Amino acid sequence: EKTPWVRRALLHRQFPGTLSVQIEEHIPAAWWQEEDSTTFVNGFGEVFEANPADIPEDLPVFKGQEDQSQRIMNMYVALEREAVQRGMKVQEIGLSRGGAWSATLDGGVHLELGRGSDRDLQSRLQRFFAGLVQIYPDKPAREALLMIASADLRYQNGFSLRLRAATAQQGQT
């Protein structure tokens, strides 16, 4: 179990003189902290070290305190589900020391989610996506998202947007 890729090893003695070994390996789900580190997070939210050459490069990045890795993984799964329904992916998710969440979607759309329960944050994200449909009724969700540089979802009854520059928008469409 001290080998970097081994999550768990179980030994079973089978009589009369046989040992059976079961090895469960870490399967990387995200980079931990920075992309140039050799620390990763598996699907259980556990942080482990591995050789970056053996890891796919398109993994999301998790930022926060290591003791919060499982909580970050759970939130990532919930937010990724919402994003995938709109043709997007979560590239980065972070939890500050103060408990505030942020995420970056592919295309560079940065979201400030704020504090709250998992359900609160999912609700904010759903409200944001529903609001985009109202703001840009003639555009597909992904195209509308790519017009946005960042969004602050911390408001109780809405959100604020910072749009990309017009030249950047033209290059995205």
Protein backbone atom coordinates (compact mmCIF):
# COMPACT_ATOMS: atom_id res chain seq x y z
CA GLU A 1 0.00 0.00 0.00
CA LYS A 2 3.01 2.31 0.17
CA THR A 3 3.45 1.98 -3.61
CA PRO A 4 2.06 5.15 -5.24
CA TRP A 5 -0.55 3.48 -7.46
CA VAL A 6 -1.86 1.02 -4.87
CA ARG A 7 -4.95 2.22 -3.02
CA ARG A 8 -5.54 -0.96 -1.06
CA ALA A 9 -3.99 -4.42 -0.88
CA LEU A 10 -5.78 -7.32 0.77
CA LEU A 11 -4.17 -10.64 1.67
CA HIS A 12 -6.29 -13.75 2.21
CA ARG A 13 -4.92 -17.00 3.49
CA GLN A 14 -6.37 -20.04 1.79
CA PHE A 15 -5.66 -23.32 3.47
CA PRO A 16 -3.52 -25.27 3.31
CA GLY A 17 -0.62 -23.12 2.06
CA THR A 18 -1.83 -20.42 -0.35
CA LEU A 19 -2.01 -16.63 -0.10
CA SER A 20 -4.40 -14.69 -2.30
CA VAL A 21 -3.60 -11.01 -2.98
CA GLN A 22 -6.15 -8.46 -4.16
CA ILE A 23 -4.82 -5.08 -5.28
CA GLU A 24 -6.99 -2.04 -5.86
CA GLU A 25 -5.24 0.74 -7.73
CA HIS A 26 -5.76 4.48 -7.59
CA ILE A 27 -7.51 5.76 -10.70
CA PRO A 28 -6.78 9.47 -11.11
CA ALA A 29 -9.83 11.70 -11.44
CA ALA A 30 -8.17 15.13 -11.02
CA TRP A 31 -4.90 16.98 -10.51
CA TRP A 32 -4.52 18.25 -6.96
CA GLN A 33 -3.68 21.98 -6.61
CA GLU A 34 -1.50 22.71 -9.65
CA GLU A 35 -1.14 20.93 -12.98
CA ASP A 36 2.65 20.68 -12.64
CA SER A 37 2.44 18.78 -9.35
CA THR A 38 2.64 15.01 -9.05
CA THR A 39 -0.31 14.81 -6.70
CA PHE A 40 -3.71 13.60 -7.85
CA VAL A 41 -7.17 12.80 -6.53
CA ASN A 42 -8.87 9.46 -7.15
CA GLY A 43 -12.62 8.92 -7.57
CA PHE A 44 -13.02 8.51 -3.80
CA GLY A 45 -11.56 11.97 -3.21
CA GLU A 46 -8.31 10.59 -1.82
CA VAL A 47 -5.07 12.43 -2.63
CA PHE A 48 -2.16 10.30 -3.88
CA GLU A 49 1.15 10.74 -5.69
CA ALA A 50 1.98 9.32 -9.09
CA ASN A 51 4.16 9.87 -12.11
CA PRO A 52 2.50 12.60 -14.23
CA ALA A 53 3.65 10.87 -17.43
CA ASP A 54 1.18 8.06 -16.63
CA ILE A 55 -1.79 10.45 -16.17
CA PRO A 56 -4.12 11.84 -18.85
CA GLU A 57 -3.58 15.58 -19.33
CA ASP A 58 -7.25 16.56 -19.59
CA LEU A 59 -8.10 15.98 -15.92
CA PRO A 60 -9.74 18.80 -13.95
CA VAL A 61 -7.79 20.70 -11.29
CA PHE A 62 -8.90 20.68 -7.64
CA LYS A 63 -7.78 23.47 -5.32
CA GLY A 64 -8.23 23.63 -1.58
CA GLN A 65 -6.97 22.11 1.63
CA GLU A 66 -6.07 18.45 1.35
CA ASP A 67 -8.39 17.44 4.19
CA GLN A 68 -11.30 18.75 2.06
CA SER A 69 -10.47 16.59 -0.99
CA GLN A 70 -13.49 14.29 -0.59
CA ARG A 71 -15.84 17.25 -0.23
CA ILE A 72 -14.33 18.84 -3.34
CA MET A 73 -14.75 15.57 -5.27
CA ASN A 74 -18.43 15.36 -4.27
CA MET A 75 -19.04 18.95 -5.34
CA TYR A 76 -17.18 18.39 -8.60
CA VAL A 77 -19.42 15.42 -9.43
CA ALA A 78 -22.56 17.46 -8.73
CA LEU A 79 -21.43 20.51 -10.74
CA GLU A 80 -20.05 18.42 -13.59
CA ARG A 81 -23.45 16.75 -13.97
CA GLU A 82 -25.07 20.18 -14.41
CA ALA A 83 -22.36 21.42 -16.80
CA VAL A 84 -22.39 18.31 -19.02
CA GLN A 85 -26.14 18.73 -19.57
CA ARG A 86 -25.26 22.06 -21.23
CA GLY A 87 -22.34 20.74 -23.28
CA MET A 88 -19.66 22.07 -20.89
CA LYS A 89 -17.11 20.53 -18.53
CA VAL A 90 -15.71 21.70 -15.21
CA GLN A 91 -11.98 22.36 -15.71
CA GLU A 92 -11.22 23.60 -12.21
CA ILE A 93 -12.97 23.66 -8.87
CA GLY A 94 -11.78 25.29 -5.68
CA LEU A 95 -12.77 25.62 -2.05
CA SER A 96 -11.23 28.54 -0.14
CA ARG A 97 -10.20 28.38 3.52
CA GLY A 98 -13.32 30.45 4.27
CA GLY A 99 -15.60 27.89 2.62
CA ALA A 100 -16.33 29.75 -0.64
CA TRP A 101 -16.55 27.71 -3.84
CA SER A 102 -15.42 28.69 -7.32
CA ALA A 103 -15.28 26.80 -10.61
CA THR A 104 -13.99 27.31 -14.13
CA LEU A 105 -15.77 25.72 -17.06
CA ASP A 106 -14.10 24.83 -20.34
CA GLY A 107 -13.86 27.87 -22.52
CA GLY A 108 -12.53 29.77 -19.48
CA VAL A 109 -15.88 30.75 -17.93
CA HIS A 110 -15.12 31.49 -14.25
CA LEU A 111 -17.95 31.06 -11.72
CA GLU A 112 -18.00 32.40 -8.15
CA LEU A 113 -20.42 30.09 -6.33
CA GLY A 114 -19.99 31.33 -2.77
CA ARG A 115 -20.74 29.44 0.43
CA GLY A 116 -23.54 27.04 1.20
CA SER A 117 -24.59 23.42 1.12
CA ASP A 118 -24.11 21.22 -1.92
CA ARG A 119 -27.80 21.64 -2.68
CA ASP A 120 -27.55 25.46 -2.44
CA LEU A 121 -24.66 25.53 -4.91
CA GLN A 122 -26.40 23.20 -7.36
CA SER A 123 -29.49 25.38 -7.13
CA ARG A 124 -27.41 28.49 -7.92
CA LEU A 125 -25.85 26.80 -10.91
CA GLN A 126 -29.24 25.64 -12.20
CA ARG A 127 -30.63 29.17 -11.74
CA PHE A 128 -27.62 30.53 -13.66
CA PHE A 129 -28.13 28.16 -16.59
CA ALA A 130 -31.89 28.89 -16.64
CA GLY A 131 -31.12 32.62 -16.61
CA LEU A 132 -28.78 32.25 -19.58
CA VAL A 133 -31.64 30.80 -21.60
CA GLN A 134 -33.69 33.89 -20.77
CA ILE A 135 -30.84 36.30 -21.55
CA TYR A 136 -29.80 34.57 -24.79
CA PRO A 137 -32.96 32.79 -26.01
CA ASP A 138 -31.65 32.42 -29.59
CA LYS A 139 -28.31 30.86 -28.65
CA PRO A 140 -27.47 27.31 -27.59
CA ALA A 141 -26.30 27.11 -23.95
CA ARG A 142 -22.66 26.44 -24.85
CA GLU A 143 -22.52 29.40 -27.24
CA ALA A 144 -24.13 31.69 -24.65
CA LEU A 145 -21.65 30.52 -22.00
CA LEU A 146 -18.69 31.30 -24.25
CA MET A 147 -19.83 34.93 -24.41
CA ILE A 148 -19.24 35.22 -20.65
CA ALA A 149 -15.86 35.79 -18.99
CA SER A 150 -17.14 35.27 -15.45
CA ALA A 151 -20.30 35.07 -13.39
CA ASP A 152 -20.95 35.77 -9.72
CA LEU A 153 -23.70 33.43 -8.49
CA ARG A 154 -23.53 34.48 -4.83
CA TYR A 155 -26.66 36.65 -5.00
CA GLN A 156 -29.84 35.28 -3.47
CA ASN A 157 -32.16 36.12 -6.38
CA GLY A 158 -29.90 36.35 -9.39
CA PHE A 159 -26.34 36.62 -10.65
CA SER A 160 -24.00 39.12 -12.28
CA LEU A 161 -22.05 38.61 -15.49
CA ARG A 162 -18.85 39.98 -16.93
CA LEU A 163 -18.94 39.54 -20.69
CA ARG A 164 -15.94 38.88 -22.87
CA ALA A 165 -14.68 41.68 -25.12
CA ALA A 166 -16.50 41.88 -28.46
CA THR A 167 -13.41 40.79 -30.41
CA ALA A 168 -13.00 37.73 -28.19
CA GLN A 169 -16.68 36.87 -28.66
CA GLN A 170 -16.35 37.01 -32.43
CA GLY A 171 -13.38 34.66 -32.30
CA GLN A 172 -15.36 32.16 -30.17
CA THR A 173 -18.43 31.85 -32.41
